[in-house]
Full PDB file with SEQRES, HELIX, SHEET, SSBOND, CRYST1, ORIGX, SCALE, CONECT and MASTER records, all heavy atoms in Angstrom:
SEQRES   1 A   44  TYR ARG GLN ALA PRO GLY LYS GLN ARG GLU LEU VAL ALA          
SEQRES   2 A   44  ALA ILE THR SER GLY GLY ASP THR ASN TYR ALA ASP SER          
SEQRES   3 A   44  VAL ARG GLY ARG PHE THR ILE SER ARG ASP ASN ALA LYS          
SEQRES   4 A   44  ASN THR VAL TYR LEU                                          
HELIX    1 AA1 ASN A   37  LYS A   39  5                                   3    
SHEET    1 AA1 2 ALA A  13  ILE A  15  0                                        
SHEET    2 AA1 2 THR A  21  TYR A  23 -1                                        
SHEET    1 AA2 2 SER A  34  ASP A  36  0                                        
SHEET    2 AA2 2 THR A  41  TYR A  43 -1                                        
CRYST1    1.000    1.000    1.000  90.00  90.00  90.00 P 1           1          
ORIGX1      1.000000  0.000000  0.000000        0.00000                         
ORIGX2      0.000000  1.000000  0.000000        0.00000                         
ORIGX3      0.000000  0.000000  1.000000        0.00000                         
SCALE1      1.000000  0.000000  0.000000        0.00000                         
SCALE2      0.000000  1.000000  0.000000        0.00000                         
SCALE3      0.000000  0.000000  1.000000        0.00000                         
ATOM      1  N   TYR A   1       0.844  -1.172   0.004  1.00  0.00           N  
ATOM      2  CA  TYR A   1       0.007   0.018   0.008  1.00  0.00           C  
ATOM      3  C   TYR A   1       0.889   1.238   0.004  1.00  0.00           C  
ATOM      4  O   TYR A   1       2.043   1.163   0.358  1.00  0.00           O  
ATOM      5  CB  TYR A   1      -0.904   0.034   1.252  1.00  0.00           C  
ATOM      6  CG  TYR A   1      -1.965  -1.067   1.282  1.00  0.00           C  
ATOM      7  CD1 TYR A   1      -1.613  -2.384   1.518  1.00  0.00           C  
ATOM      8  CD2 TYR A   1      -3.299  -0.749   1.090  1.00  0.00           C  
ATOM      9  CE1 TYR A   1      -2.583  -3.373   1.566  1.00  0.00           C  
ATOM     10  CE2 TYR A   1      -4.274  -1.730   1.154  1.00  0.00           C  
ATOM     11  CZ  TYR A   1      -3.919  -3.030   1.376  1.00  0.00           C  
ATOM     12  OH  TYR A   1      -4.881  -4.017   1.430  1.00  0.00           O  
ATOM     13  N   ARG A   2       0.329   2.356  -0.397  1.00  0.00           N  
ATOM     14  CA  ARG A   2       1.069   3.602  -0.315  1.00  0.00           C  
ATOM     15  C   ARG A   2       0.149   4.724   0.169  1.00  0.00           C  
ATOM     16  O   ARG A   2      -1.067   4.683  -0.022  1.00  0.00           O  
ATOM     17  CB  ARG A   2       1.706   3.965  -1.643  1.00  0.00           C  
ATOM     18  CG  ARG A   2       0.713   4.275  -2.773  1.00  0.00           C  
ATOM     19  CD  ARG A   2       1.485   4.426  -4.079  1.00  0.00           C  
ATOM     20  NE  ARG A   2       0.554   4.658  -5.204  1.00  0.00           N  
ATOM     21  CZ  ARG A   2       0.895   4.557  -6.484  1.00  0.00           C  
ATOM     22  NH1 ARG A   2       2.147   4.225  -6.808  1.00  0.00           N  
ATOM     23  NH2 ARG A   2      -0.009   4.786  -7.436  1.00  0.00           N  
ATOM     24  N   GLN A   3       0.751   5.698   0.806  1.00  0.00           N  
ATOM     25  CA  GLN A   3       0.017   6.840   1.311  1.00  0.00           C  
ATOM     26  C   GLN A   3       0.875   8.097   1.114  1.00  0.00           C  
ATOM     27  O   GLN A   3       1.949   8.218   1.663  1.00  0.00           O  
ATOM     28  CB  GLN A   3      -0.341   6.694   2.783  1.00  0.00           C  
ATOM     29  CG  GLN A   3      -1.253   7.767   3.306  1.00  0.00           C  
ATOM     30  CD  GLN A   3      -1.828   7.402   4.664  1.00  0.00           C  
ATOM     31  OE1 GLN A   3      -1.253   6.641   5.425  1.00  0.00           O  
ATOM     32  NE2 GLN A   3      -2.991   7.957   4.956  1.00  0.00           N  
ATOM     33  N   ALA A   4       0.353   8.997   0.311  1.00  0.00           N  
ATOM     34  CA  ALA A   4       0.966  10.291   0.112  1.00  0.00           C  
ATOM     35  C   ALA A   4       0.357  11.286   1.096  1.00  0.00           C  
ATOM     36  O   ALA A   4      -0.742  11.101   1.578  1.00  0.00           O  
ATOM     37  CB  ALA A   4       0.761  10.778  -1.316  1.00  0.00           C  
ATOM     38  N   PRO A   5       1.091  12.362   1.427  1.00  0.00           N  
ATOM     39  CA  PRO A   5       0.545  13.355   2.332  1.00  0.00           C  
ATOM     40  C   PRO A   5      -0.800  13.914   1.890  1.00  0.00           C  
ATOM     41  O   PRO A   5      -0.972  14.272   0.732  1.00  0.00           O  
ATOM     42  CB  PRO A   5       1.625  14.460   2.328  1.00  0.00           C  
ATOM     43  CG  PRO A   5       2.872  13.753   1.957  1.00  0.00           C  
ATOM     44  CD  PRO A   5       2.456  12.694   0.979  1.00  0.00           C  
ATOM     45  N   GLY A   6      -1.763  13.911   2.806  1.00  0.00           N  
ATOM     46  CA  GLY A   6      -3.070  14.427   2.508  1.00  0.00           C  
ATOM     47  C   GLY A   6      -3.948  13.491   1.722  1.00  0.00           C  
ATOM     48  O   GLY A   6      -5.064  13.878   1.357  1.00  0.00           O  
ATOM     49  N   LYS A   7      -3.495  12.282   1.474  1.00  0.00           N  
ATOM     50  CA  LYS A   7      -4.277  11.319   0.692  1.00  0.00           C  
ATOM     51  C   LYS A   7      -4.545  10.063   1.490  1.00  0.00           C  
ATOM     52  O   LYS A   7      -3.884   9.761   2.482  1.00  0.00           O  
ATOM     53  CB  LYS A   7      -3.535  10.975  -0.618  1.00  0.00           C  
ATOM     54  CG  LYS A   7      -3.378  12.122  -1.584  1.00  0.00           C  
ATOM     55  CD  LYS A   7      -2.753  11.650  -2.880  1.00  0.00           C  
ATOM     56  CE  LYS A   7      -2.637  12.779  -3.879  1.00  0.00           C  
ATOM     57  NZ  LYS A   7      -2.045  12.343  -5.148  1.00  0.00           N  
ATOM     58  N   GLN A   8      -5.551   9.323   1.048  1.00  0.00           N  
ATOM     59  CA  GLN A   8      -5.877   8.054   1.680  1.00  0.00           C  
ATOM     60  C   GLN A   8      -4.824   6.991   1.293  1.00  0.00           C  
ATOM     61  O   GLN A   8      -4.223   7.052   0.235  1.00  0.00           O  
ATOM     62  CB  GLN A   8      -7.261   7.591   1.235  1.00  0.00           C  
ATOM     63  CG  GLN A   8      -8.404   8.530   1.623  1.00  0.00           C  
ATOM     64  CD  GLN A   8      -8.642   8.518   3.116  1.00  0.00           C  
ATOM     65  OE1 GLN A   8      -8.599   7.458   3.749  1.00  0.00           O  
ATOM     66  NE2 GLN A   8      -8.867   9.681   3.676  1.00  0.00           N  
ATOM     67  N   ARG A   9      -4.648   6.042   2.174  1.00  0.00           N  
ATOM     68  CA  ARG A   9      -3.826   4.895   1.867  1.00  0.00           C  
ATOM     69  C   ARG A   9      -4.527   4.054   0.801  1.00  0.00           C  
ATOM     70  O   ARG A   9      -5.723   3.766   0.907  1.00  0.00           O  
ATOM     71  CB  ARG A   9      -3.535   4.093   3.130  1.00  0.00           C  
ATOM     72  CG  ARG A   9      -2.534   2.976   2.915  1.00  0.00           C  
ATOM     73  CD  ARG A   9      -2.180   2.293   4.239  1.00  0.00           C  
ATOM     74  NE  ARG A   9      -1.576   3.205   5.190  1.00  0.00           N  
ATOM     75  CZ  ARG A   9      -1.044   2.837   6.353  1.00  0.00           C  
ATOM     76  NH1 ARG A   9      -1.042   1.549   6.709  1.00  0.00           N  
ATOM     77  NH2 ARG A   9      -0.542   3.770   7.142  1.00  0.00           N  
ATOM     78  N   GLU A  10      -3.768   3.656  -0.197  1.00  0.00           N  
ATOM     79  CA  GLU A  10      -4.357   2.885  -1.284  1.00  0.00           C  
ATOM     80  C   GLU A  10      -3.569   1.621  -1.557  1.00  0.00           C  
ATOM     81  O   GLU A  10      -2.354   1.567  -1.366  1.00  0.00           O  
ATOM     82  CB  GLU A  10      -4.398   3.755  -2.567  1.00  0.00           C  
ATOM     83  CG  GLU A  10      -3.033   4.132  -3.084  1.00  0.00           C  
ATOM     84  CD  GLU A  10      -3.096   4.885  -4.416  1.00  0.00           C  
ATOM     85  OE1 GLU A  10      -4.160   4.873  -5.081  1.00  0.00           O  
ATOM     86  OE2 GLU A  10      -2.065   5.474  -4.832  1.00  0.00           O  
ATOM     87  N   LEU A  11      -4.275   0.626  -2.025  1.00  0.00           N  
ATOM     88  CA  LEU A  11      -3.642  -0.620  -2.413  1.00  0.00           C  
ATOM     89  C   LEU A  11      -2.906  -0.422  -3.717  1.00  0.00           C  
ATOM     90  O   LEU A  11      -3.453   0.100  -4.668  1.00  0.00           O  
ATOM     91  CB  LEU A  11      -4.689  -1.714  -2.550  1.00  0.00           C  
ATOM     92  CG  LEU A  11      -4.182  -3.063  -3.073  1.00  0.00           C  
ATOM     93  CD1 LEU A  11      -3.255  -3.737  -2.045  1.00  0.00           C  
ATOM     94  CD2 LEU A  11      -5.344  -3.995  -3.434  1.00  0.00           C  
ATOM     95  N   VAL A  12      -1.655  -0.872  -3.741  1.00  0.00           N  
ATOM     96  CA  VAL A  12      -0.842  -0.820  -4.937  1.00  0.00           C  
ATOM     97  C   VAL A  12      -0.832  -2.169  -5.657  1.00  0.00           C  
ATOM     98  O   VAL A  12      -1.089  -2.268  -6.842  1.00  0.00           O  
ATOM     99  CB  VAL A  12       0.591  -0.383  -4.616  1.00  0.00           C  
ATOM    100  CG1 VAL A  12       1.454  -0.396  -5.875  1.00  0.00           C  
ATOM    101  CG2 VAL A  12       0.604   0.985  -3.959  1.00  0.00           C  
ATOM    102  N   ALA A  13      -0.570  -3.219  -4.908  1.00  0.00           N  
ATOM    103  CA  ALA A  13      -0.509  -4.553  -5.450  1.00  0.00           C  
ATOM    104  C   ALA A  13      -0.659  -5.569  -4.327  1.00  0.00           C  
ATOM    105  O   ALA A  13      -0.299  -5.300  -3.194  1.00  0.00           O  
ATOM    106  CB  ALA A  13       0.825  -4.800  -6.199  1.00  0.00           C  
ATOM    107  N   ALA A  14      -1.211  -6.707  -4.663  1.00  0.00           N  
ATOM    108  CA  ALA A  14      -1.387  -7.778  -3.693  1.00  0.00           C  
ATOM    109  C   ALA A  14      -1.086  -9.120  -4.385  1.00  0.00           C  
ATOM    110  O   ALA A  14      -1.200  -9.255  -5.600  1.00  0.00           O  
ATOM    111  CB  ALA A  14      -2.811  -7.772  -3.120  1.00  0.00           C  
ATOM    112  N   ILE A  15      -0.734 -10.080  -3.542  1.00  0.00           N  
ATOM    113  CA  ILE A  15      -0.402 -11.408  -4.053  1.00  0.00           C  
ATOM    114  C   ILE A  15      -0.850 -12.444  -3.036  1.00  0.00           C  
ATOM    115  O   ILE A  15      -0.625 -12.313  -1.852  1.00  0.00           O  
ATOM    116  CB  ILE A  15       1.106 -11.524  -4.377  1.00  0.00           C  
ATOM    117  CG1 ILE A  15       1.433 -12.849  -5.036  1.00  0.00           C  
ATOM    118  CG2 ILE A  15       1.962 -11.278  -3.133  1.00  0.00           C  
ATOM    119  CD1 ILE A  15       2.840 -12.910  -5.640  1.00  0.00           C  
ATOM    120  N   THR A  16      -1.499 -13.488  -3.528  1.00  0.00           N  
ATOM    121  CA  THR A  16      -1.935 -14.563  -2.663  1.00  0.00           C  
ATOM    122  C   THR A  16      -0.773 -15.515  -2.381  1.00  0.00           C  
ATOM    123  O   THR A  16       0.293 -15.433  -2.989  1.00  0.00           O  
ATOM    124  CB  THR A  16      -3.080 -15.341  -3.295  1.00  0.00           C  
ATOM    125  OG1 THR A  16      -2.606 -16.083  -4.439  1.00  0.00           O  
ATOM    126  CG2 THR A  16      -4.187 -14.411  -3.741  1.00  0.00           C  
ATOM    127  N   SER A  17      -1.020 -16.443  -1.470  1.00  0.00           N  
ATOM    128  CA  SER A  17       0.020 -17.409  -1.147  1.00  0.00           C  
ATOM    129  C   SER A  17       0.366 -18.281  -2.340  1.00  0.00           C  
ATOM    130  O   SER A  17       1.478 -18.803  -2.427  1.00  0.00           O  
ATOM    131  CB  SER A  17      -0.426 -18.272   0.022  1.00  0.00           C  
ATOM    132  OG  SER A  17      -1.610 -19.000  -0.281  1.00  0.00           O  
ATOM    133  N   GLY A  18      -0.587 -18.444  -3.247  1.00  0.00           N  
ATOM    134  CA  GLY A  18      -0.357 -19.241  -4.455  1.00  0.00           C  
ATOM    135  C   GLY A  18       0.215 -18.496  -5.611  1.00  0.00           C  
ATOM    136  O   GLY A  18       0.492 -19.071  -6.652  1.00  0.00           O  
ATOM    137  N   GLY A  19       0.396 -17.160  -5.481  1.00  0.00           N  
ATOM    138  CA  GLY A  19       1.006 -16.382  -6.500  1.00  0.00           C  
ATOM    139  C   GLY A  19       0.069 -15.599  -7.413  1.00  0.00           C  
ATOM    140  O   GLY A  19       0.520 -14.940  -8.349  1.00  0.00           O  
ATOM    141  N   ASP A  20      -1.238 -15.661  -7.143  1.00  0.00           N  
ATOM    142  CA  ASP A  20      -2.177 -14.804  -7.905  1.00  0.00           C  
ATOM    143  C   ASP A  20      -2.005 -13.362  -7.493  1.00  0.00           C  
ATOM    144  O   ASP A  20      -1.869 -13.036  -6.321  1.00  0.00           O  
ATOM    145  CB  ASP A  20      -3.614 -15.265  -7.672  1.00  0.00           C  
ATOM    146  CG  ASP A  20      -3.879 -16.651  -8.196  1.00  0.00           C  
ATOM    147  OD1 ASP A  20      -3.337 -17.012  -9.249  1.00  0.00           O  
ATOM    148  OD2 ASP A  20      -4.647 -17.392  -7.539  1.00  0.00           O  
ATOM    149  N   THR A  21      -2.005 -12.465  -8.478  1.00  0.00           N  
ATOM    150  CA  THR A  21      -1.704 -11.061  -8.245  1.00  0.00           C  
ATOM    151  C   THR A  21      -2.871 -10.166  -8.589  1.00  0.00           C  
ATOM    152  O   THR A  21      -3.745 -10.507  -9.418  1.00  0.00           O  
ATOM    153  CB  THR A  21      -0.480 -10.622  -9.022  1.00  0.00           C  
ATOM    154  OG1 THR A  21      -0.695 -10.842 -10.436  1.00  0.00           O  
ATOM    155  CG2 THR A  21       0.762 -11.436  -8.589  1.00  0.00           C  
ATOM    156  N   ASN A  22      -2.857  -8.973  -8.003  1.00  0.00           N  
ATOM    157  CA  ASN A  22      -3.824  -7.958  -8.308  1.00  0.00           C  
ATOM    158  C   ASN A  22      -3.106  -6.611  -8.192  1.00  0.00           C  
ATOM    159  O   ASN A  22      -2.284  -6.398  -7.298  1.00  0.00           O  
ATOM    160  CB  ASN A  22      -5.008  -7.981  -7.330  1.00  0.00           C  
ATOM    161  CG  ASN A  22      -6.104  -7.049  -7.734  1.00  0.00           C  
ATOM    162  OD1 ASN A  22      -6.459  -6.976  -8.914  1.00  0.00           O  
ATOM    163  ND2 ASN A  22      -6.717  -6.368  -6.785  1.00  0.00           N  
ATOM    164  N   TYR A  23      -3.418  -5.681  -9.110  1.00  0.00           N  
ATOM    165  CA  TYR A  23      -2.741  -4.412  -9.190  1.00  0.00           C  
ATOM    166  C   TYR A  23      -3.722  -3.272  -9.294  1.00  0.00           C  
ATOM    167  O   TYR A  23      -4.819  -3.404  -9.878  1.00  0.00           O  
ATOM    168  CB  TYR A  23      -1.814  -4.328 -10.413  1.00  0.00           C  
ATOM    169  CG  TYR A  23      -0.673  -5.302 -10.405  1.00  0.00           C  
ATOM    170  CD1 TYR A  23      -0.793  -6.537 -11.043  1.00  0.00           C  
ATOM    171  CD2 TYR A  23       0.533  -4.991  -9.797  1.00  0.00           C  
ATOM    172  CE1 TYR A  23       0.243  -7.440 -11.052  1.00  0.00           C  
ATOM    173  CE2 TYR A  23       1.571  -5.903  -9.797  1.00  0.00           C  
ATOM    174  CZ  TYR A  23       1.423  -7.127 -10.444  1.00  0.00           C  
ATOM    175  OH  TYR A  23       2.474  -8.004 -10.429  1.00  0.00           O  
ATOM    176  N   ALA A  24      -3.365  -2.137  -8.707  1.00  0.00           N  
ATOM    177  CA  ALA A  24      -4.099  -0.918  -8.976  1.00  0.00           C  
ATOM    178  C   ALA A  24      -3.986  -0.584 -10.457  1.00  0.00           C  
ATOM    179  O   ALA A  24      -2.921  -0.828 -11.088  1.00  0.00           O  
ATOM    180  CB  ALA A  24      -3.563   0.224  -8.142  1.00  0.00           C  
ATOM    181  N   ASP A  25      -5.053  -0.027 -11.008  1.00  0.00           N  
ATOM    182  CA  ASP A  25      -5.032   0.272 -12.436  1.00  0.00           C  
ATOM    183  C   ASP A  25      -3.876   1.198 -12.800  1.00  0.00           C  
ATOM    184  O   ASP A  25      -3.302   1.082 -13.891  1.00  0.00           O  
ATOM    185  CB  ASP A  25      -6.353   0.936 -12.839  1.00  0.00           C  
ATOM    186  CG  ASP A  25      -7.524  -0.046 -12.856  1.00  0.00           C  
ATOM    187  OD1 ASP A  25      -7.263  -1.278 -12.875  1.00  0.00           O  
ATOM    188  OD2 ASP A  25      -8.672   0.423 -12.844  1.00  0.00           O  
ATOM    189  N   SER A  26      -3.529   2.092 -11.885  1.00  0.00           N  
ATOM    190  CA  SER A  26      -2.485   3.087 -12.195  1.00  0.00           C  
ATOM    191  C   SER A  26      -1.116   2.504 -12.313  1.00  0.00           C  
ATOM    192  O   SER A  26      -0.227   3.153 -12.885  1.00  0.00           O  
ATOM    193  CB  SER A  26      -2.518   4.172 -11.130  1.00  0.00           C  
ATOM    194  OG  SER A  26      -2.228   3.657  -9.860  1.00  0.00           O  
ATOM    195  N   VAL A  27      -0.890   1.304 -11.778  1.00  0.00           N  
ATOM    196  CA  VAL A  27       0.438   0.715 -11.790  1.00  0.00           C  
ATOM    197  C   VAL A  27       0.551  -0.551 -12.634  1.00  0.00           C  
ATOM    198  O   VAL A  27       1.673  -1.013 -12.868  1.00  0.00           O  
ATOM    199  CB  VAL A  27       0.955   0.397 -10.354  1.00  0.00           C  
ATOM    200  CG1 VAL A  27       0.802   1.631  -9.459  1.00  0.00           C  
ATOM    201  CG2 VAL A  27       0.203  -0.776  -9.763  1.00  0.00           C  
ATOM    202  N   ARG A  28      -0.555  -1.057 -13.072  1.00  0.00           N  
ATOM    203  CA  ARG A  28      -0.545  -2.287 -13.853  1.00  0.00           C  
ATOM    204  C   ARG A  28       0.286  -2.127 -15.125  1.00  0.00           C  
ATOM    205  O   ARG A  28       0.140  -1.157 -15.864  1.00  0.00           O  
ATOM    206  CB  ARG A  28      -1.960  -2.709 -14.198  1.00  0.00           C  
ATOM    207  CG  ARG A  28      -2.054  -4.099 -14.874  1.00  0.00           C  
ATOM    208  CD  ARG A  28      -3.489  -4.553 -15.107  1.00  0.00           C  
ATOM    209  NE  ARG A  28      -4.207  -4.772 -13.833  1.00  0.00           N  
ATOM    210  CZ  ARG A  28      -5.160  -3.992 -13.385  1.00  0.00           C  
ATOM    211  NH1 ARG A  28      -5.545  -2.916 -14.070  1.00  0.00           N  
ATOM    212  NH2 ARG A  28      -5.741  -4.279 -12.239  1.00  0.00           N  
ATOM    213  N   GLY A  29       1.182  -3.048 -15.335  1.00  0.00           N  
ATOM    214  CA  GLY A  29       2.088  -2.971 -16.474  1.00  0.00           C  
ATOM    215  C   GLY A  29       3.413  -2.379 -16.148  1.00  0.00           C  
ATOM    216  O   GLY A  29       4.384  -2.554 -16.902  1.00  0.00           O  
ATOM    217  N   ARG A  30       3.513  -1.655 -15.056  1.00  0.00           N  
ATOM    218  CA  ARG A  30       4.757  -1.013 -14.634  1.00  0.00           C  
ATOM    219  C   ARG A  30       5.346  -1.637 -13.386  1.00  0.00           C  
ATOM    220  O   ARG A  30       6.579  -1.669 -13.207  1.00  0.00           O  
ATOM    221  CB  ARG A  30       4.580   0.496 -14.416  1.00  0.00           C  
ATOM    222  CG  ARG A  30       4.217   1.263 -15.674  1.00  0.00           C  
ATOM    223  CD  ARG A  30       4.190   2.766 -15.388  1.00  0.00           C  
ATOM    224  NE  ARG A  30       3.169   3.115 -14.421  1.00  0.00           N  
ATOM    225  CZ  ARG A  30       3.422   3.641 -13.221  1.00  0.00           C  
ATOM    226  NH1 ARG A  30       4.690   3.862 -12.832  1.00  0.00           N  
ATOM    227  NH2 ARG A  30       2.410   3.926 -12.409  1.00  0.00           N  
ATOM    228  N   PHE A  31       4.468  -2.099 -12.479  1.00  0.00           N  
ATOM    229  CA  PHE A  31       4.905  -2.685 -11.216  1.00  0.00           C  
ATOM    230  C   PHE A  31       4.699  -4.182 -11.276  1.00  0.00           C  
ATOM    231  O   PHE A  31       3.753  -4.684 -11.911  1.00  0.00           O  
ATOM    232  CB  PHE A  31       4.101  -2.139 -10.041  1.00  0.00           C  
ATOM    233  CG  PHE A  31       4.382  -0.681  -9.679  1.00  0.00           C  
ATOM    234  CD1 PHE A  31       5.104   0.137 -10.525  1.00  0.00           C  
ATOM    235  CD2 PHE A  31       3.873  -0.161  -8.500  1.00  0.00           C  
ATOM    236  CE1 PHE A  31       5.336   1.481 -10.195  1.00  0.00           C  
ATOM    237  CE2 PHE A  31       4.110   1.161  -8.177  1.00  0.00           C  
ATOM    238  CZ  PHE A  31       4.830   1.967  -9.007  1.00  0.00           C  
ATOM    239  N   THR A  32       5.545  -4.909 -10.564  1.00  0.00           N  
ATOM    240  CA  THR A  32       5.410  -6.359 -10.468  1.00  0.00           C  
ATOM    241  C   THR A  32       5.576  -6.777  -9.002  1.00  0.00           C  
ATOM    242  O   THR A  32       6.591  -6.472  -8.376  1.00  0.00           O  
ATOM    243  CB  THR A  32       6.473  -7.068 -11.319  1.00  0.00           C  
ATOM    244  OG1 THR A  32       6.335  -6.642 -12.692  1.00  0.00           O  
ATOM    245  CG2 THR A  32       6.273  -8.581 -11.248  1.00  0.00           C  
ATOM    246  N   ILE A  33       4.600  -7.467  -8.474  1.00  0.00           N  
ATOM    247  CA  ILE A  33       4.680  -8.010  -7.142  1.00  0.00           C  
ATOM    248  C   ILE A  33       5.019  -9.488  -7.231  1.00  0.00           C  
ATOM    249  O   ILE A  33       4.536 -10.200  -8.115  1.00  0.00           O  
ATOM    250  CB  ILE A  33       3.385  -7.773  -6.338  1.00  0.00           C  
ATOM    251  CG1 ILE A  33       3.561  -8.153  -4.865  1.00  0.00           C  
ATOM    252  CG2 ILE A  33       2.191  -8.508  -6.957  1.00  0.00           C  
ATOM    253  CD1 ILE A  33       2.418  -7.739  -3.987  1.00  0.00           C  
ATOM    254  N   SER A  34       5.849  -9.942  -6.348  1.00  0.00           N  
ATOM    255  CA  SER A  34       6.224 -11.353  -6.319  1.00  0.00           C  
ATOM    256  C   SER A  34       6.530 -11.741  -4.875  1.00  0.00           C  
ATOM    257  O   SER A  34       6.630 -10.878  -3.980  1.00  0.00           O  
ATOM    258  CB  SER A  34       7.426 -11.624  -7.202  1.00  0.00           C  
ATOM    259  OG  SER A  34       8.575 -10.888  -6.763  1.00  0.00           O  
ATOM    260  N   ARG A  35       6.644 -13.036  -4.629  1.00  0.00           N  
ATOM    261  CA  ARG A  35       6.960 -13.477  -3.271  1.00  0.00           C  
ATOM    262  C   ARG A  35       7.809 -14.717  -3.312  1.00  0.00           C  
ATOM    263  O   ARG A  35       7.815 -15.499  -4.284  1.00  0.00           O  
ATOM    264  CB  ARG A  35       5.670 -13.748  -2.466  1.00  0.00           C  
ATOM    265  CG  ARG A  35       4.807 -14.890  -2.991  1.00  0.00           C  
ATOM    266  CD  ARG A  35       3.448 -14.888  -2.316  1.00  0.00           C  
ATOM    267  NE  ARG A  35       3.529 -15.270  -0.932  1.00  0.00           N  
ATOM    268  CZ  ARG A  35       2.547 -15.053  -0.034  1.00  0.00           C  
ATOM    269  NH1 ARG A  35       1.432 -14.428  -0.407  1.00  0.00           N  
ATOM    270  NH2 ARG A  35       2.672 -15.472   1.223  1.00  0.00           N  
ATOM    271  N   ASP A  36       8.553 -14.891  -2.240  1.00  0.00           N  
ATOM    272  CA  ASP A  36       9.365 -16.078  -2.027  1.00  0.00           C  
ATOM    273  C   ASP A  36       8.866 -16.686  -0.735  1.00  0.00           C  
ATOM    274  O   ASP A  36       9.198 -16.227   0.359  1.00  0.00           O  
ATOM    275  CB  ASP A  36      10.859 -15.732  -1.935  1.00  0.00           C  
ATOM    276  CG  ASP A  36      11.747 -16.940  -1.839  1.00  0.00           C  
ATOM    277  OD1 ASP A  36      11.285 -18.016  -1.415  1.00  0.00           O  
ATOM    278  OD2 ASP A  36      12.935 -16.822  -2.196  1.00  0.00           O  
ATOM    279  N   ASN A  37       8.045 -17.715  -0.839  1.00  0.00           N  
ATOM    280  CA  ASN A  37       7.424 -18.287   0.328  1.00  0.00           C  
ATOM    281  C   ASN A  37       8.428 -18.917   1.307  1.00  0.00           C  
ATOM    282  O   ASN A  37       8.253 -18.909   2.499  1.00  0.00           O  
ATOM    283  CB  ASN A  37       6.376 -19.334  -0.090  1.00  0.00           C  
ATOM    284  CG  ASN A  37       5.157 -18.707  -0.711  1.00  0.00           C  
ATOM    285  OD1 ASN A  37       4.809 -17.554  -0.443  1.00  0.00           O  
ATOM    286  ND2 ASN A  37       4.484 -19.462  -1.567  1.00  0.00           N  
ATOM    287  N   ALA A  38       9.515 -19.442   0.748  1.00  0.00           N  
ATOM    288  CA  ALA A  38      10.537 -20.032   1.619  1.00  0.00           C  
ATOM    289  C   ALA A  38      11.208 -18.990   2.484  1.00  0.00           C  
ATOM    290  O   ALA A  38      11.714 -19.309   3.559  1.00  0.00           O  
ATOM    291  CB  ALA A  38      11.578 -20.758   0.748  1.00  0.00           C  
ATOM    292  N   LYS A  39      11.244 -17.740   2.037  1.00  0.00           N  
ATOM    293  CA  LYS A  39      11.849 -16.660   2.795  1.00  0.00           C  
ATOM    294  C   LYS A  39      10.823 -15.759   3.482  1.00  0.00           C  
ATOM    295  O   LYS A  39      11.227 -14.785   4.118  1.00  0.00           O  
ATOM    296  CB  LYS A  39      12.725 -15.821   1.864  1.00  0.00           C  
ATOM    297  CG  LYS A  39      13.890 -16.554   1.253  1.00  0.00           C  
ATOM    298  CD  LYS A  39      14.705 -15.633   0.364  1.00  0.00           C  
ATOM    299  CE  LYS A  39      15.889 -16.363  -0.231  1.00  0.00           C  
ATOM    300  NZ  LYS A  39      16.691 -15.500  -1.138  1.00  0.00           N  
ATOM    301  N   ASN A  40       9.557 -16.053   3.340  1.00  0.00           N  
ATOM    302  CA  ASN A  40       8.511 -15.213   3.904  1.00  0.00           C  
ATOM    303  C   ASN A  40       8.681 -13.753   3.473  1.00  0.00           C  
ATOM    304  O   ASN A  40       8.519 -12.824   4.268  1.00  0.00           O  
ATOM    305  CB  ASN A  40       8.438 -15.318   5.427  1.00  0.00           C  
ATOM    306  CG  ASN A  40       7.862 -16.638   5.922  1.00  0.00           C  
ATOM    307  OD1 ASN A  40       7.179 -17.325   5.173  1.00  0.00           O  
ATOM    308  ND2 ASN A  40       8.126 -16.957   7.158  1.00  0.00           N  
ATOM    309  N   THR A  41       8.974 -13.567   2.225  1.00  0.00           N  
ATOM    310  CA  THR A  41       9.307 -12.272   1.700  1.00  0.00           C  
ATOM    311  C   THR A  41       8.461 -11.923   0.468  1.00  0.00           C  
ATOM    312  O   THR A  41       8.260 -12.803  -0.393  1.00  0.00           O  
ATOM    313  CB  THR A  41      10.798 -12.191   1.337  1.00  0.00           C  
ATOM    314  OG1 THR A  41      11.582 -12.413   2.528  1.00  0.00           O  
ATOM    315  CG2 THR A  41      11.173 -10.800   0.780  1.00  0.00           C  
ATOM    316  N   VAL A  42       8.017 -10.697   0.394  1.00  0.00           N  
ATOM    317  CA  VAL A  42       7.306 -10.188  -0.777  1.00  0.00           C  
ATOM    318  C   VAL A  42       8.114  -9.037  -1.349  1.00  0.00           C  
ATOM    319  O   VAL A  42       8.747  -8.270  -0.615  1.00  0.00           O  
ATOM    320  CB  VAL A  42       5.857  -9.769  -0.392  1.00  0.00           C  
ATOM    321  CG1 VAL A  42       5.856  -8.602   0.568  1.00  0.00           C  
ATOM    322  CG2 VAL A  42       5.065  -9.411  -1.652  1.00  0.00           C  
ATOM    323  N   TYR A  43       8.051  -8.899  -2.652  1.00  0.00           N  
ATOM    324  CA  TYR A  43       8.792  -7.879  -3.364  1.00  0.00           C  
ATOM    325  C   TYR A  43       7.854  -7.032  -4.188  1.00  0.00           C  
ATOM    326  O   TYR A  43       6.801  -7.470  -4.626  1.00  0.00           O  
ATOM    327  CB  TYR A  43       9.852  -8.495  -4.287  1.00  0.00           C  
ATOM    328  CG  TYR A  43      10.775  -9.466  -3.607  1.00  0.00           C  
ATOM    329  CD1 TYR A  43      10.496 -10.827  -3.608  1.00  0.00           C  
ATOM    330  CD2 TYR A  43      11.915  -9.037  -2.986  1.00  0.00           C  
ATOM    331  CE1 TYR A  43      11.331 -11.744  -3.005  1.00  0.00           C  
ATOM    332  CE2 TYR A  43      12.804  -9.926  -2.362  1.00  0.00           C  
ATOM    333  CZ  TYR A  43      12.483 -11.278  -2.392  1.00  0.00           C  
ATOM    334  OH  TYR A  43      13.336 -12.180  -1.769  1.00  0.00           O  
ATOM    335  N   LEU A  44       8.270  -5.823  -4.474  1.00  0.00           N  
ATOM    336  CA  LEU A  44       7.556  -4.957  -5.412  1.00  0.00           C  
ATOM    337  C   LEU A  44       8.583  -4.270  -6.289  1.00  0.00           C  
ATOM    338  O   LEU A  44       9.354  -3.429  -5.833  1.00  0.00           O  
ATOM    339  CB  LEU A  44       6.707  -3.907  -4.677  1.00  0.00           C  
ATOM    340  CG  LEU A  44       5.871  -3.029  -5.595  1.00  0.00           C  
ATOM    341  CD1 LEU A  44       4.766  -3.833  -6.273  1.00  0.00           C  
ATOM    342  CD2 LEU A  44       5.255  -1.842  -4.821  1.00  0.00           C  
TER     343      LEU A  44                                                      
MASTER        0    0    0    1    4    0    0    6  342    1    0    4          
END                                                                             
């Protein structure tokens, strides 16, 4: 998620445990979310 000054916090990208992803329209095609379950780590 991201929050700019004076603005609401908004979802940028999400990923399920199985790797299904969802993106805000404004970032789709430019941002990529991924995860490494063995490391309990998510990347953007």
